[in-house]
Protein backbone atom coordinates (compact mmCIF):
# COMPACT_ATOMS: atom_id res chain seq x y z
CA UNK A 1 105.19 152.20 126.29
CA UNK A 2 107.38 148.88 127.04
CA UNK A 3 103.74 146.72 126.63
CA UNK A 4 103.63 148.77 123.08
CA UNK A 5 106.99 148.19 122.02
CA UNK A 6 106.75 144.45 122.68
CA UNK A 7 103.84 144.79 120.11
CA UNK A 8 105.68 146.26 117.65
CA UNK A 9 108.52 143.74 117.91
CA UNK A 10 106.49 141.08 117.68
CA UNK A 11 104.84 142.79 113.95
CA UNK A 12 108.62 142.84 113.04
CA UNK A 13 109.41 139.55 114.10
CA UNK A 14 105.93 138.47 111.80
CA UNK A 15 107.28 140.82 109.01
CA UNK A 16 109.09 138.14 106.90
CA UNK A 17 106.72 135.37 107.37
CA UNK A 18 103.56 137.71 106.27
CA UNK A 19 106.25 138.23 102.94
CA UNK A 20 107.24 135.05 102.27
CA UNK A 21 103.30 133.54 102.95
CA UNK A 22 102.26 136.09 100.84
CA UNK A 23 99.22 134.34 98.54
CA UNK A 24 100.34 131.45 99.42
CA UNK A 25 97.59 128.36 100.32
CA UNK A 26 97.38 126.96 103.36
CA UNK A 27 94.56 124.31 104.53
CA UNK A 28 93.86 124.22 108.32
CA UNK A 29 92.00 121.40 109.54
CA UNK A 30 89.64 122.02 112.52
CA UNK A 31 89.33 119.61 115.32
CA UNK A 32 89.08 118.69 118.71
CA UNK A 33 88.77 121.27 121.03
CA UNK A 34 89.52 124.03 118.61
CA UNK A 35 86.20 123.37 117.41
CA UNK A 36 84.59 122.15 120.81
CA UNK A 37 85.44 124.96 122.75
CA UNK A 38 83.87 128.16 122.02
CA UNK A 39 86.55 130.41 122.74
CA UNK A 40 89.20 128.04 121.56
CA UNK A 41 87.53 128.56 118.00
CA UNK A 42 86.62 132.17 118.57
CA UNK A 43 91.05 132.25 118.86
CA UNK A 44 91.22 130.14 115.79
CA UNK A 45 88.66 132.26 113.11
CA UNK A 46 90.73 135.32 114.17
CA UNK A 47 93.94 133.58 113.48
CA UNK A 48 92.65 132.72 110.11
CA UNK A 49 91.21 135.73 109.33
CA UNK A 50 94.24 137.62 110.70
CA UNK A 51 95.84 135.04 107.91
CA UNK A 52 93.64 136.22 104.99
CA UNK A 53 94.11 139.48 105.93
CA UNK A 54 97.42 140.04 106.12
CA UNK A 55 97.39 138.24 102.30
CA UNK A 56 98.20 134.47 102.83
CA UNK A 57 95.13 132.30 101.48
CA UNK A 58 93.67 130.44 103.80
CA UNK A 59 91.33 126.97 103.32
CA UNK A 60 89.51 125.22 106.32
CA UNK A 61 88.70 121.74 105.79
CA UNK A 62 86.56 120.86 109.32
CA UNK A 63 84.46 117.63 110.73
CA UNK A 64 82.34 117.01 113.55
CA UNK A 65 82.59 113.96 115.38
CA UNK A 66 80.91 114.97 118.80
CA UNK A 67 78.09 117.16 116.97
CA UNK A 68 77.32 114.03 115.05
CA UNK A 69 77.21 111.65 118.53
CA UNK A 70 75.18 114.49 120.23
CA UNK A 71 72.70 114.80 117.67
CA UNK A 72 72.45 110.76 116.79
CA UNK A 73 71.96 110.10 120.34
CA UNK A 74 69.08 112.68 120.18
CA UNK A 75 67.65 110.77 117.02
CA UNK A 76 67.88 107.14 119.30
CA UNK A 77 70.86 106.17 116.47
CA UNK A 78 73.94 104.26 118.55
CA UNK A 79 77.25 105.43 116.98
CA UNK A 80 79.38 102.48 115.61
CA UNK A 81 83.03 102.66 114.27
CA UNK A 82 85.04 99.92 113.15
CA UNK A 83 88.61 101.19 112.29
CA UNK A 84 88.67 104.33 113.39
CA UNK A 85 85.79 105.13 111.10
CA UNK A 86 81.71 106.00 112.02
CA UNK A 87 80.01 103.03 110.46
CA UNK A 88 77.10 105.34 108.36
CA UNK A 89 74.12 103.59 107.52
CA UNK A 90 71.59 105.80 105.90
CA UNK A 91 70.13 107.00 109.18
CA UNK A 92 73.52 108.03 110.88
CA UNK A 93 74.01 109.89 106.97
CA UNK A 94 71.38 111.93 107.62
CA UNK A 95 72.58 113.02 110.58
CA UNK A 96 75.53 113.25 109.43
CA UNK A 97 74.63 115.62 106.50
CA UNK A 98 72.85 117.96 108.38
CA UNK A 99 74.70 118.55 111.22
CA UNK A 100 78.11 119.09 109.16
CA UNK A 101 76.31 121.90 107.17
CA UNK A 102 73.29 122.86 108.72
CA UNK A 103 75.20 123.51 111.93
CA UNK A 104 78.76 122.95 111.98
CA UNK A 105 79.86 124.55 108.38
CA UNK A 106 77.32 127.41 108.93
CA UNK A 107 78.45 128.25 112.23
CA UNK A 108 82.17 128.48 111.39
CA UNK A 109 80.71 130.65 108.28
CA UNK A 110 78.86 133.15 110.20
CA UNK A 111 81.59 133.59 112.95
CA UNK A 112 84.21 134.58 110.04
CA UNK A 113 81.82 136.80 108.66
CA UNK A 114 80.67 138.14 112.78
CA UNK A 115 84.67 138.70 112.95
CA UNK A 116 85.43 140.99 109.77
CA UNK A 117 86.38 138.13 107.63
CA UNK A 118 84.41 136.57 104.62
CA UNK A 119 83.68 133.39 103.82
CA UNK A 120 81.90 130.67 102.06
CA UNK A 121 80.70 126.73 102.77
CA UNK A 122 81.42 124.58 99.61
CA UNK A 123 79.08 121.73 100.05
CA UNK A 124 75.85 122.56 98.03
CA UNK A 125 75.23 121.15 94.18
CA UNK A 126 77.10 124.06 92.44
CA UNK A 127 79.22 124.79 95.30
CA UNK A 128 81.12 121.25 96.06
CA UNK A 129 84.75 121.22 96.94
CA UNK A 130 84.89 116.93 97.21
CA UNK A 131 83.89 114.08 94.88
CA UNK A 132 84.61 110.39 96.20
CA UNK A 133 84.30 106.97 96.10
CA UNK A 134 82.89 104.84 98.33
CA UNK A 135 85.87 103.50 100.67
CA UNK A 136 86.36 99.57 100.55
CA UNK A 137 88.50 98.17 103.81
CA UNK A 138 89.25 94.73 105.08
CA UNK A 139 88.99 93.17 108.61
CA UNK A 140 91.80 90.95 110.27
CA UNK A 141 90.49 87.96 108.51
CA UNK A 142 90.98 89.57 104.91
CA UNK A 143 87.02 89.81 104.88
CA UNK A 144 85.48 93.18 102.75
CA UNK A 145 84.27 95.68 105.52
CA UNK A 146 81.27 97.56 105.00
CA UNK A 147 80.98 101.19 106.11
CA UNK A 148 78.09 102.05 104.56
CA UNK A 149 78.11 105.45 102.99
CA UNK A 150 81.85 105.86 104.26
CA UNK A 151 83.75 107.05 101.15
CA UNK A 152 87.48 108.47 100.26
CA UNK A 153 87.74 111.63 98.00
CA UNK A 154 89.08 111.02 94.50
CA UNK A 155 88.61 114.51 93.08
CA UNK A 156 89.16 117.96 94.60
CA UNK A 157 87.01 121.06 92.48
CA UNK A 158 90.84 122.75 92.96
CA UNK A 159 89.78 125.92 90.75
CA UNK A 160 86.40 126.36 92.74
CA UNK A 161 88.86 126.75 96.20
CA UNK A 162 91.37 128.82 94.42
CA UNK A 163 88.36 131.34 93.07
CA UNK A 164 87.57 131.93 96.47
CA UNK A 165 90.88 132.00 98.01
CA UNK A 166 92.02 134.39 95.11
CA UNK A 167 89.25 136.66 96.05
CA UNK A 168 89.94 137.08 99.56
CA UNK A 169 87.12 134.76 100.88
CA UNK A 170 88.00 132.00 103.53
CA UNK A 171 86.25 128.65 101.40
CA UNK A 172 84.96 126.25 104.42
CA UNK A 173 84.95 122.78 103.52
CA UNK A 174 83.06 119.76 105.21
CA UNK A 175 84.15 116.32 105.42
CA UNK A 176 81.21 115.60 102.82
CA UNK A 177 81.81 114.09 99.27
CA UNK A 178 79.22 113.26 96.31
CA UNK A 179 79.78 109.83 94.96
CA UNK A 180 78.77 109.50 90.65
CA UNK A 181 74.86 108.93 91.51
CA UNK A 182 75.37 112.34 93.17
CA UNK A 183 74.82 111.02 97.25
CA UNK A 184 76.48 112.42 100.11
CA UNK A 185 79.28 110.25 101.74
CA UNK A 186 81.02 110.31 104.88
CA UNK A 187 84.70 110.54 104.54
CA UNK A 188 87.39 110.76 107.32
CA UNK A 189 88.27 114.62 107.59
CA UNK A 190 92.24 114.85 108.27
CA UNK A 191 92.28 112.69 105.04
CA UNK A 192 89.55 114.80 103.03
CA UNK A 193 92.07 117.74 104.45
CA UNK A 194 95.34 116.24 102.65
CA UNK A 195 93.01 115.54 99.68
CA UNK A 196 92.60 119.27 99.46
CA UNK A 197 96.02 120.22 100.44
CA UNK A 198 97.37 118.21 97.78
CA UNK A 199 95.70 119.64 95.03
CA UNK A 200 95.97 122.81 96.05
CA UNK A 201 99.65 122.33 96.24
CA UNK A 202 99.52 124.49 99.70
CA UNK A 203 102.31 125.72 101.02
CA UNK A 204 101.21 124.35 104.29
CA UNK A 205 98.78 121.99 105.81
CA UNK A 206 97.83 122.19 109.48
CA UNK A 207 96.14 119.80 111.59
CA UNK A 208 94.88 121.30 115.04
CA UNK A 209 94.66 118.42 117.81
CA UNK A 210 94.19 118.02 121.45
CA UNK A 211 98.22 117.80 121.77
CA UNK A 212 100.96 119.97 121.83
CA UNK A 213 102.35 118.53 118.44
CA UNK A 214 104.02 114.83 117.98
CA UNK A 215 105.80 113.92 121.31
CA UNK A 216 108.88 112.09 121.99
CA UNK A 217 106.97 110.67 124.83
CA UNK A 218 102.90 110.47 125.14
CA UNK A 219 102.89 111.11 128.86
CA UNK A 220 105.49 114.05 128.98
CA UNK A 221 103.62 117.36 127.10
CA UNK A 222 107.23 118.79 127.19
CA UNK A 223 108.67 116.10 124.88
CA UNK A 224 107.52 118.05 121.40
CA UNK A 225 109.42 117.55 118.70
CA UNK A 226 109.66 120.70 116.58
CA UNK A 227 110.50 119.10 113.54
CA UNK A 228 110.67 115.62 111.72
CA UNK A 229 111.82 114.03 107.74
CA UNK A 230 109.75 110.79 106.07
CA UNK A 231 112.51 108.91 107.73
CA UNK A 232 112.20 110.55 111.34
CA UNK A 233 108.43 109.55 111.23
CA UNK A 234 108.47 106.17 110.10
CA UNK A 235 111.26 105.32 112.65
CA UNK A 236 108.76 106.68 115.07
CA UNK A 237 105.93 104.69 113.91
CA UNK A 238 108.16 101.61 114.18
CA UNK A 239 109.20 102.25 117.68
CA UNK A 240 105.34 102.73 118.75
CA UNK A 241 105.78 105.97 119.80
CA UNK A 242 103.35 107.02 116.95
CA UNK A 243 100.30 105.03 117.26
CA UNK A 244 96.77 104.86 117.86
CA UNK A 245 94.50 107.70 117.59
CA UNK A 246 97.93 109.98 116.04
CA UNK A 247 98.49 107.57 113.29
CA UNK A 248 96.06 107.86 111.46
CA UNK A 249 96.77 111.85 111.59
CA UNK A 250 100.45 111.37 110.56
CA UNK A 251 99.45 109.44 107.65
CA UNK A 252 97.46 112.16 106.27
CA UNK A 253 100.16 114.51 106.70
CA UNK A 254 102.31 112.19 104.53
CA UNK A 255 99.77 111.83 101.96
CA UNK A 256 99.61 115.71 101.70
CA UNK A 257 103.27 115.91 101.68
CA UNK A 258 103.71 113.15 98.82
CA UNK A 259 101.24 114.99 96.57
CA UNK A 260 103.32 118.21 96.76
CA UNK A 261 102.29 120.13 100.25
CA UNK A 262 105.52 122.37 101.37
CA UNK A 263 105.30 121.32 104.89
CA UNK A 264 102.81 119.86 107.56
CA UNK A 265 102.11 120.96 111.18
CA UNK A 266 101.10 119.42 113.51
CA UNK A 267 99.87 121.74 116.43
CA UNK A 268 97.69 122.76 119.59
CA UNK A 269 94.55 124.07 118.40
CA UNK A 270 93.66 124.33 123.17
CA UNK A 271 96.63 127.18 122.70
CA UNK A 272 95.21 130.80 122.01
CA UNK A 273 96.37 132.01 118.38
CA UNK A 274 98.47 128.21 117.93
CA UNK A 275 98.15 129.21 114.08
CA UNK A 276 99.57 132.88 114.31
CA UNK A 277 102.33 131.48 116.94
CA UNK A 278 103.15 128.75 114.59
CA UNK A 279 103.01 130.78 111.49
CA UNK A 280 104.87 133.57 112.56
CA UNK A 281 107.22 133.61 114.73
CA UNK A 282 110.63 132.14 115.30
CA UNK A 283 110.33 129.10 117.46
CA UNK A 284 106.46 127.82 116.28
CA UNK A 285 104.30 125.55 119.08
CA UNK A 286 104.25 122.15 117.51
CA UNK A 287 105.69 119.74 114.73
CA UNK A 288 106.54 120.41 111.54
CA UNK A 289 107.07 117.14 109.27
CA UNK A 290 108.98 117.80 105.61
CA UNK A 291 109.90 115.46 102.69
């Protein structure tokens, strides 16, 4: 009976959050162990199905770095990265598109359906959510840096995404964009998620990572900073607390906020049901960032 009462207490604690976020859109960027560990992925997708069932409108955006690396190795291709982005020639692009659409996306959609939810992959001619143009960067000398078929999102078909989300179907979007010529572009998944969230004016944008959030001390997993605003984030960047791998993710967080997202959350995808703990409990489990 005591265990049953604790479960009831948890539901009561969640009640105001369920009411507040009913019909609100939340964009979730899947990454890290939340995708690689089968148990973690299942727990995350259970959270997504729960969220949709109680009236929230989740939208998933994903990449697939490690599966792409494995597929490239099988094809005899060597991954090359510059400025944190995968150089994508035609051969690499073929692998990226195949893995993201036919393996990763299809598996996520299938699992959501097996868990009792409804989902659709948005990555076909008639169901394409992301459009973009080639990303132009410069090297340290200011010279143009050619990354091949790497792109940035210039337009999101928000109406398409909303039509499925509002019907109780979870949109699952790979980090691929069409260019004006109808060709594929490989897009960074963090920036793709930020573009989707900004276009939808989502209530929340959640990044699932392999850390407990943004840490005050990168060597201390217990130093998670619960809440930050833009000024505090800028100071952490100046102080070097936010750098290297976390910096591009935080920059994507800020892009989302500036585009109209209500709150951004950075949470640990390795923690079972971290999505529910962050959104539906009083304490949360990661770092929230607000304007």
